[in-house]
């Protein structure tokens, strides 16, 4: 498998996780893809939002 220059390895890692769930847990493709998408949402995207909101608030108040 080649290295992937995307944030968090989004393409390569997601593909590997989906294939791993299909083979090891005998999941269907749609269910495995949904599980991986939910995992990405909870671990990569949602943790960024509070920091972004705090940064915007501090910039508006001229604290940064």
PDB file of N, CA and C in Angstrom:
ATOM      1  N   UNK A   1       0.847  -1.174   0.000  1.00  0.00           N
ATOM      2  CA  UNK A   1       0.000   0.000   0.000  1.00  0.00           C
ATOM      3  C   UNK A   1       0.893   1.238   0.000  1.00  0.00           C
ATOM      4  N   UNK A   2       0.555   2.192  -0.834  1.00  0.00           N
ATOM      5  CA  UNK A   2       1.335   3.415  -0.945  1.00  0.00           C
ATOM      6  C   UNK A   2       0.955   4.400   0.158  1.00  0.00           C
ATOM      7  N   UNK A   3       1.862   5.302   0.452  1.00  0.00           N
ATOM      8  CA  UNK A   3       1.562   6.319   1.460  1.00  0.00           C
ATOM      9  C   UNK A   3       0.579   7.331   0.892  1.00  0.00           C
ATOM     10  N   UNK A   4      -0.150   7.959   1.767  1.00  0.00           N
ATOM     11  CA  UNK A   4      -1.189   8.895   1.333  1.00  0.00           C
ATOM     12  C   UNK A   4      -0.974  10.254   1.990  1.00  0.00           C
ATOM     13  N   UNK A   5      -0.814  11.326   1.218  1.00  0.00           N
ATOM     14  CA  UNK A   5      -0.556  12.643   1.798  1.00  0.00           C
ATOM     15  C   UNK A   5      -1.818  13.405   2.209  1.00  0.00           C
ATOM     16  N   UNK A   6      -2.917  12.729   2.456  1.00  0.00           N
ATOM     17  CA  UNK A   6      -4.148  13.405   2.857  1.00  0.00           C
ATOM     18  C   UNK A   6      -4.196  13.539   4.376  1.00  0.00           C
ATOM     19  N   UNK A   7      -4.947  14.511   4.896  1.00  0.00           N
ATOM     20  CA  UNK A   7      -5.036  14.690   6.345  1.00  0.00           C
ATOM     21  C   UNK A   7      -5.595  13.438   7.032  1.00  0.00           C
ATOM     22  N   UNK A   8      -4.856  12.927   7.964  1.00  0.00           N
ATOM     23  CA  UNK A   8      -5.292  11.735   8.680  1.00  0.00           C
ATOM     24  C   UNK A   8      -5.249  10.487   7.833  1.00  0.00           C
ATOM     25  N   UNK A   9      -4.656  10.536   6.661  1.00  0.00           N
ATOM     26  CA  UNK A   9      -4.624   9.371   5.785  1.00  0.00           C
ATOM     27  C   UNK A   9      -6.007   8.977   5.321  1.00  0.00           C
ATOM     28  N   UNK A  10      -6.878   9.944   5.098  1.00  0.00           N
ATOM     29  CA  UNK A  10      -8.299   9.703   4.880  1.00  0.00           C
ATOM     30  C   UNK A  10      -8.602   8.643   3.820  1.00  0.00           C
ATOM     31  N   UNK A  11      -7.999   8.693   2.689  1.00  0.00           N
ATOM     32  CA  UNK A  11      -8.342   7.736   1.634  1.00  0.00           C
ATOM     33  C   UNK A  11      -7.825   6.344   1.883  1.00  0.00           C
ATOM     34  N   UNK A  12      -6.543   6.213   2.133  1.00  0.00           N
ATOM     35  CA  UNK A  12      -5.924   4.898   2.284  1.00  0.00           C
ATOM     36  C   UNK A  12      -6.375   4.189   3.559  1.00  0.00           C
ATOM     37  N   UNK A  13      -6.425   4.899   4.653  1.00  0.00           N
ATOM     38  CA  UNK A  13      -6.804   4.284   5.926  1.00  0.00           C
ATOM     39  C   UNK A  13      -8.276   3.904   5.913  1.00  0.00           C
ATOM     40  N   UNK A  14      -9.121   4.758   5.370  1.00  0.00           N
ATOM     41  CA  UNK A  14     -10.545   4.444   5.324  1.00  0.00           C
ATOM     42  C   UNK A  14     -10.813   3.206   4.476  1.00  0.00           C
ATOM     43  N   UNK A  15     -10.112   3.086   3.374  1.00  0.00           N
ATOM     44  CA  UNK A  15     -10.263   1.907   2.533  1.00  0.00           C
ATOM     45  C   UNK A  15      -9.817   0.650   3.282  1.00  0.00           C
ATOM     46  N   UNK A  16      -8.689   0.747   3.964  1.00  0.00           N
ATOM     47  CA  UNK A  16      -8.187  -0.407   4.717  1.00  0.00           C
ATOM     48  C   UNK A  16      -9.134  -0.789   5.851  1.00  0.00           C
ATOM     49  N   UNK A  17      -9.674   0.206   6.553  1.00  0.00           N
ATOM     50  CA  UNK A  17     -10.615  -0.082   7.633  1.00  0.00           C
ATOM     51  C   UNK A  17     -11.891  -0.719   7.099  1.00  0.00           C
ATOM     52  N   UNK A  18     -12.389  -0.220   5.983  1.00  0.00           N
ATOM     53  CA  UNK A  18     -13.602  -0.780   5.395  1.00  0.00           C
ATOM     54  C   UNK A  18     -13.381  -2.229   4.974  1.00  0.00           C
ATOM     55  N   UNK A  19     -12.269  -2.482   4.294  1.00  0.00           N
ATOM     56  CA  UNK A  19     -11.968  -3.853   3.877  1.00  0.00           C
ATOM     57  C   UNK A  19     -11.754  -4.769   5.079  1.00  0.00           C
ATOM     58  N   UNK A  20     -11.102  -4.247   6.110  1.00  0.00           N
ATOM     59  CA  UNK A  20     -10.879  -5.047   7.312  1.00  0.00           C
ATOM     60  C   UNK A  20     -12.177  -5.419   8.004  1.00  0.00           C
ATOM     61  N   UNK A  21     -13.107  -4.480   8.082  1.00  0.00           N
ATOM     62  CA  UNK A  21     -14.406  -4.781   8.685  1.00  0.00           C
ATOM     63  C   UNK A  21     -15.191  -5.783   7.845  1.00  0.00           C
ATOM     64  N   UNK A  22     -15.098  -5.665   6.536  1.00  0.00           N
ATOM     65  CA  UNK A  22     -15.807  -6.603   5.670  1.00  0.00           C
ATOM     66  C   UNK A  22     -15.273  -8.024   5.846  1.00  0.00           C
ATOM     67  N   UNK A  23     -13.977  -8.156   5.958  1.00  0.00           N
ATOM     68  CA  UNK A  23     -13.379  -9.488   6.030  1.00  0.00           C
ATOM     69  C   UNK A  23     -13.414 -10.076   7.426  1.00  0.00           C
ATOM     70  N   UNK A  24     -13.085  -9.287   8.439  1.00  0.00           N
ATOM     71  CA  UNK A  24     -12.973  -9.849   9.781  1.00  0.00           C
ATOM     72  C   UNK A  24     -14.313  -9.931  10.503  1.00  0.00           C
ATOM     73  N   UNK A  25     -15.200  -8.968  10.277  1.00  0.00           N
ATOM     74  CA  UNK A  25     -16.478  -8.956  10.985  1.00  0.00           C
ATOM     75  C   UNK A  25     -17.629  -9.406  10.087  1.00  0.00           C
ATOM     76  N   UNK A  26     -17.327  -9.800   8.875  1.00  0.00           N
ATOM     77  CA  UNK A  26     -18.333 -10.244   7.903  1.00  0.00           C
ATOM     78  C   UNK A  26     -19.436  -9.217   7.713  1.00  0.00           C
ATOM     79  N   UNK A  27     -19.050  -7.951   7.663  1.00  0.00           N
ATOM     80  CA  UNK A  27     -20.017  -6.872   7.442  1.00  0.00           C
ATOM     81  C   UNK A  27     -20.219  -6.658   5.957  1.00  0.00           C
ATOM     82  N   UNK A  28     -21.411  -6.147   5.603  1.00  0.00           N
ATOM     83  CA  UNK A  28     -21.647  -5.769   4.221  1.00  0.00           C
ATOM     84  C   UNK A  28     -20.907  -4.463   3.934  1.00  0.00           C
ATOM     85  N   UNK A  29     -20.710  -4.174   2.653  1.00  0.00           N
ATOM     86  CA  UNK A  29     -19.928  -3.001   2.273  1.00  0.00           C
ATOM     87  C   UNK A  29     -20.547  -1.707   2.787  1.00  0.00           C
ATOM     88  N   UNK A  30     -21.862  -1.560   2.684  1.00  0.00           N
ATOM     89  CA  UNK A  30     -22.528  -0.335   3.120  1.00  0.00           C
ATOM     90  C   UNK A  30     -22.396  -0.110   4.619  1.00  0.00           C
ATOM     91  N   UNK A  31     -22.557  -1.175   5.399  1.00  0.00           N
ATOM     92  CA  UNK A  31     -22.435  -1.060   6.851  1.00  0.00           C
ATOM     93  C   UNK A  31     -21.022  -0.742   7.287  1.00  0.00           C
ATOM     94  N   UNK A  32     -20.051  -1.366   6.644  1.00  0.00           N
ATOM     95  CA  UNK A  32     -18.650  -1.107   6.974  1.00  0.00           C
ATOM     96  C   UNK A  32     -18.267   0.325   6.615  1.00  0.00           C
ATOM     97  N   UNK A  33     -18.747   0.805   5.480  1.00  0.00           N
ATOM     98  CA  UNK A  33     -18.452   2.173   5.066  1.00  0.00           C
ATOM     99  C   UNK A  33     -19.098   3.179   6.013  1.00  0.00           C
ATOM    100  N   UNK A  34     -20.310   2.897   6.457  1.00  0.00           N
ATOM    101  CA  UNK A  34     -20.981   3.789   7.409  1.00  0.00           C
ATOM    102  C   UNK A  34     -20.243   3.820   8.742  1.00  0.00           C
ATOM    103  N   UNK A  35     -19.770   2.671   9.196  1.00  0.00           N
ATOM    104  CA  UNK A  35     -19.036   2.616  10.459  1.00  0.00           C
ATOM    105  C   UNK A  35     -17.735   3.404  10.373  1.00  0.00           C
ATOM    106  N   UNK A  36     -17.035   3.282   9.265  1.00  0.00           N
ATOM    107  CA  UNK A  36     -15.780   4.013   9.078  1.00  0.00           C
ATOM    108  C   UNK A  36     -16.046   5.508   8.956  1.00  0.00           C
ATOM    109  N   UNK A  37     -17.108   5.896   8.265  1.00  0.00           N
ATOM    110  CA  UNK A  37     -17.448   7.316   8.135  1.00  0.00           C
ATOM    111  C   UNK A  37     -17.806   7.906   9.497  1.00  0.00           C
ATOM    112  N   UNK A  38     -18.544   7.170  10.320  1.00  0.00           N
ATOM    113  CA  UNK A  38     -18.875   7.635  11.662  1.00  0.00           C
ATOM    114  C   UNK A  38     -17.622   7.756  12.523  1.00  0.00           C
ATOM    115  N   UNK A  39     -16.717   6.792  12.405  1.00  0.00           N
ATOM    116  CA  UNK A  39     -15.449   6.841  13.131  1.00  0.00           C
ATOM    117  C   UNK A  39     -14.667   8.090  12.754  1.00  0.00           C
ATOM    118  N   UNK A  40     -14.581   8.388  11.446  1.00  0.00           N
ATOM    119  CA  UNK A  40     -13.872   9.580  10.974  1.00  0.00           C
ATOM    120  C   UNK A  40     -14.511  10.851  11.508  1.00  0.00           C
ATOM    121  N   UNK A  41     -15.842  10.894  11.477  1.00  0.00           N
ATOM    122  CA  UNK A  41     -16.558  12.071  11.960  1.00  0.00           C
ATOM    123  C   UNK A  41     -16.266  12.322  13.437  1.00  0.00           C
ATOM    124  N   UNK A  42     -16.296  11.270  14.244  1.00  0.00           N
ATOM    125  CA  UNK A  42     -16.112  11.414  15.682  1.00  0.00           C
ATOM    126  C   UNK A  42     -14.664  11.669  16.088  1.00  0.00           C
ATOM    127  N   UNK A  43     -13.703  11.191  15.311  1.00  0.00           N
ATOM    128  CA  UNK A  43     -12.304  11.311  15.727  1.00  0.00           C
ATOM    129  C   UNK A  43     -11.508  12.375  14.979  1.00  0.00           C
ATOM    130  N   UNK A  44     -11.956  12.778  13.811  1.00  0.00           N
ATOM    131  CA  UNK A  44     -11.165  13.728  13.021  1.00  0.00           C
ATOM    132  C   UNK A  44     -11.860  15.077  12.843  1.00  0.00           C
ATOM    133  N   UNK A  45     -13.157  15.076  12.631  1.00  0.00           N
ATOM    134  CA  UNK A  45     -13.850  16.312  12.287  1.00  0.00           C
ATOM    135  C   UNK A  45     -14.439  17.007  13.507  1.00  0.00           C
ATOM    136  N   UNK A  46     -15.196  16.308  14.325  1.00  0.00           N
ATOM    137  CA  UNK A  46     -15.857  16.946  15.466  1.00  0.00           C
ATOM    138  C   UNK A  46     -14.901  17.540  16.504  1.00  0.00           C
ATOM    139  N   UNK A  47     -13.765  16.939  16.801  1.00  0.00           N
ATOM    140  CA  UNK A  47     -12.856  17.566  17.773  1.00  0.00           C
ATOM    141  C   UNK A  47     -12.290  18.914  17.317  1.00  0.00           C
ATOM    142  N   UNK A  48     -12.295  19.196  16.033  1.00  0.00           N
ATOM    143  CA  UNK A  48     -11.762  20.452  15.520  1.00  0.00           C
ATOM    144  C   UNK A  48     -12.731  21.604  15.756  1.00  0.00           C
ATOM    145  N   UNK A  49     -14.027  21.336  15.763  1.00  0.00           N
ATOM    146  CA  UNK A  49     -15.037  22.392  15.825  1.00  0.00           C
ATOM    147  C   UNK A  49     -14.960  23.258  17.082  1.00  0.00           C
ATOM    148  N   UNK A  50     -14.784  22.717  18.296  1.00  0.00           N
ATOM    149  CA  UNK A  50     -14.676  23.605  19.457  1.00  0.00           C
ATOM    150  C   UNK A  50     -13.455  24.530  19.391  1.00  0.00           C
ATOM    151  N   UNK A  51     -12.357  24.040  18.888  1.00  0.00           N
ATOM    152  CA  UNK A  51     -11.164  24.867  18.744  1.00  0.00           C
ATOM    153  C   UNK A  51     -11.371  25.975  17.728  1.00  0.00           C
ATOM    154  N   UNK A  52     -12.034  25.661  16.639  1.00  0.00           N
ATOM    155  CA  UNK A  52     -12.325  26.677  15.630  1.00  0.00           C
ATOM    156  C   UNK A  52     -13.244  27.752  16.207  1.00  0.00           C
ATOM    157  N   UNK A  53     -14.274  27.339  16.945  1.00  0.00           N
ATOM    158  CA  UNK A  53     -15.204  28.302  17.550  1.00  0.00           C
ATOM    159  C   UNK A  53     -14.489  29.181  18.577  1.00  0.00           C
ATOM    160  N   UNK A  54     -13.634  28.597  19.393  1.00  0.00           N
ATOM    161  CA  UNK A  54     -12.891  29.368  20.391  1.00  0.00           C
ATOM    162  C   UNK A  54     -11.940  30.356  19.723  1.00  0.00           C
ATOM    163  N   UNK A  55     -11.281  29.925  18.667  1.00  0.00           N
ATOM    164  CA  UNK A  55     -10.365  30.811  17.947  1.00  0.00           C
ATOM    165  C   UNK A  55     -11.119  31.990  17.337  1.00  0.00           C
ATOM    166  N   UNK A  56     -12.267  31.733  16.724  1.00  0.00           N
ATOM    167  CA  UNK A  56     -13.066  32.807  16.131  1.00  0.00           C
ATOM    168  C   UNK A  56     -13.544  33.786  17.210  1.00  0.00           C
ATOM    169  N   UNK A  57     -13.973  33.258  18.344  1.00  0.00           N
ATOM    170  CA  UNK A  57     -14.452  34.104  19.438  1.00  0.00           C
ATOM    171  C   UNK A  57     -13.318  34.983  19.987  1.00  0.00           C
ATOM    172  N   UNK A  58     -12.139  34.396  20.185  1.00  0.00           N
ATOM    173  CA  UNK A  58     -11.002  35.154  20.686  1.00  0.00           C
ATOM    174  C   UNK A  58     -10.539  36.219  19.682  1.00  0.00           C
ATOM    175  N   UNK A  59     -10.588  35.915  18.409  1.00  0.00           N
ATOM    176  CA  UNK A  59     -10.207  36.894  17.387  1.00  0.00           C
ATOM    177  C   UNK A  59     -11.193  38.058  17.340  1.00  0.00           C
ATOM    178  N   UNK A  60     -12.488  37.770  17.487  1.00  0.00           N
ATOM    179  CA  UNK A  60     -13.483  38.849  17.526  1.00  0.00           C
ATOM    180  C   UNK A  60     -13.281  39.770  18.708  1.00  0.00           C
ATOM    181  N   UNK A  61     -12.828  39.229  19.822  1.00  0.00           N
ATOM    182  CA  UNK A  61     -12.619  40.008  21.044  1.00  0.00           C
ATOM    183  C   UNK A  61     -11.232  40.646  21.077  1.00  0.00           C
ATOM    184  N   UNK A  62     -10.457  40.461  19.994  1.00  0.00           N
ATOM    185  CA  UNK A  62      -9.088  41.003  19.884  1.00  0.00           C
ATOM    186  C   UNK A  62      -8.167  40.465  20.973  1.00  0.00           C
ATOM    187  N   UNK A  63      -8.416  39.247  21.413  1.00  0.00           N
ATOM    188  CA  UNK A  63      -7.557  38.608  22.405  1.00  0.00           C
ATOM    189  C   UNK A  63      -6.385  37.891  21.742  1.00  0.00           C
ATOM    190  N   UNK A  64      -6.485  37.701  20.463  1.00  0.00           N
ATOM    191  CA  UNK A  64      -5.391  37.066  19.703  1.00  0.00           C
ATOM    192  C   UNK A  64      -4.922  37.996  18.619  1.00  0.00           C
TER     193      UNK A  64
END
